[in-house]
Amino acid sequence: MAKKTPVETDEARLKKKVRERLASTENPEGNAALRALHKRLKRAQRKRRSLAIRLRHAAGKKAEAGKTEVKAEAAAGG
């Protein structure tokens, strides 16, 4: 049985929370809870980006060559 994917990703949920808290506080620099939320958001973003890079590197030269061919065809108008 596979895991169910959440309707809203952690990153989107954290972004929403950070925006709400940022709007409601008067002094965002002094708010430790807001700072912790922001750190969690940044950690999730780093994790997503590093995973994307890892997958891209694992795909190897074939995936990169395929992407450059498509770009070359698009530039040539074909």
Protein backbone atom coordinates (compact mmCIF):
# COMPACT_ATOMS: atom_id res chain seq x y z
CA MET A 1 0.00 0.00 0.00
CA ALA A 2 1.50 3.30 -1.11
CA LYS A 3 1.75 6.43 0.95
CA LYS A 4 -0.89 9.04 0.27
CA THR A 5 0.50 12.30 -0.99
CA PRO A 6 -0.73 15.33 0.92
CA VAL A 7 -3.05 17.73 -0.87
CA GLU A 8 -0.81 20.62 0.12
CA THR A 9 2.97 20.16 0.23
CA ASP A 10 4.96 21.02 3.33
CA GLU A 11 6.66 23.81 1.47
CA ALA A 12 3.39 25.45 0.40
CA ARG A 13 1.96 25.09 3.89
CA LEU A 14 5.07 26.65 5.43
CA LYS A 15 5.02 29.51 2.92
CA LYS A 16 1.43 30.26 3.84
CA LYS A 17 2.19 30.17 7.57
CA VAL A 18 5.20 32.45 7.18
CA ARG A 19 3.17 34.98 5.16
CA GLU A 20 0.36 34.99 7.73
CA ARG A 21 2.69 35.38 10.71
CA LEU A 22 4.75 38.04 8.96
CA ALA A 23 1.63 40.09 8.27
CA SER A 24 0.35 39.75 11.83
CA THR A 25 3.56 40.64 13.72
CA GLU A 26 4.87 44.12 14.32
CA ASN A 27 8.52 43.12 14.80
CA PRO A 28 9.41 40.13 12.61
CA GLU A 29 13.12 40.24 13.58
CA GLY A 30 12.32 39.68 17.25
CA ASN A 31 9.83 36.87 16.71
CA ALA A 32 11.54 33.53 17.43
CA ALA A 33 8.58 31.43 16.26
CA LEU A 34 8.51 33.21 12.90
CA ARG A 35 12.26 32.78 12.52
CA ALA A 36 11.93 29.03 13.22
CA LEU A 37 9.16 28.71 10.61
CA HIS A 38 11.26 30.58 8.09
CA LYS A 39 14.22 28.28 8.78
CA ARG A 40 12.00 25.21 8.26
CA LEU A 41 10.79 26.66 4.95
CA LYS A 42 14.33 27.32 3.76
CA ARG A 43 15.39 23.79 4.80
CA ALA A 44 12.53 22.30 2.77
CA GLN A 45 13.48 24.41 -0.26
CA ARG A 46 17.14 23.36 0.00
CA LYS A 47 16.09 19.72 0.25
CA ARG A 48 13.89 19.98 -2.87
CA ARG A 49 16.60 21.73 -4.87
CA SER A 50 19.32 19.28 -3.84
CA LEU A 51 17.06 16.36 -4.78
CA ALA A 52 16.44 17.89 -8.21
CA ILE A 53 20.18 18.33 -8.77
CA ARG A 54 20.88 14.78 -7.59
CA LEU A 55 18.27 13.38 -9.99
CA ARG A 56 19.62 15.48 -12.84
CA HIS A 57 23.16 14.24 -12.21
CA ALA A 58 21.93 10.64 -11.91
CA ALA A 59 20.26 10.92 -15.32
CA GLY A 60 23.70 11.50 -16.78
CA LYS A 61 24.79 12.79 -20.14
CA LYS A 62 21.86 11.29 -22.03
CA ALA A 63 19.33 13.54 -20.31
CA GLU A 64 21.51 16.60 -20.81
CA ALA A 65 22.02 15.75 -24.51
CA GLY A 66 18.29 15.28 -24.96
CA LYS A 67 17.58 18.67 -23.43
CA THR A 68 20.15 20.44 -25.61
CA GLU A 69 18.72 18.80 -28.76
CA VAL A 70 15.25 20.04 -27.92
CA LYS A 71 16.59 23.53 -27.23
CA ALA A 72 18.52 23.52 -30.52
CA GLU A 73 15.43 22.44 -32.46
CA ALA A 74 13.33 25.13 -30.78
CA ALA A 75 15.94 27.77 -31.59
CA ALA A 76 16.08 26.64 -35.21
CA GLY A 77 12.31 26.85 -35.46
CA GLY A 78 11.78 23.15 -36.14
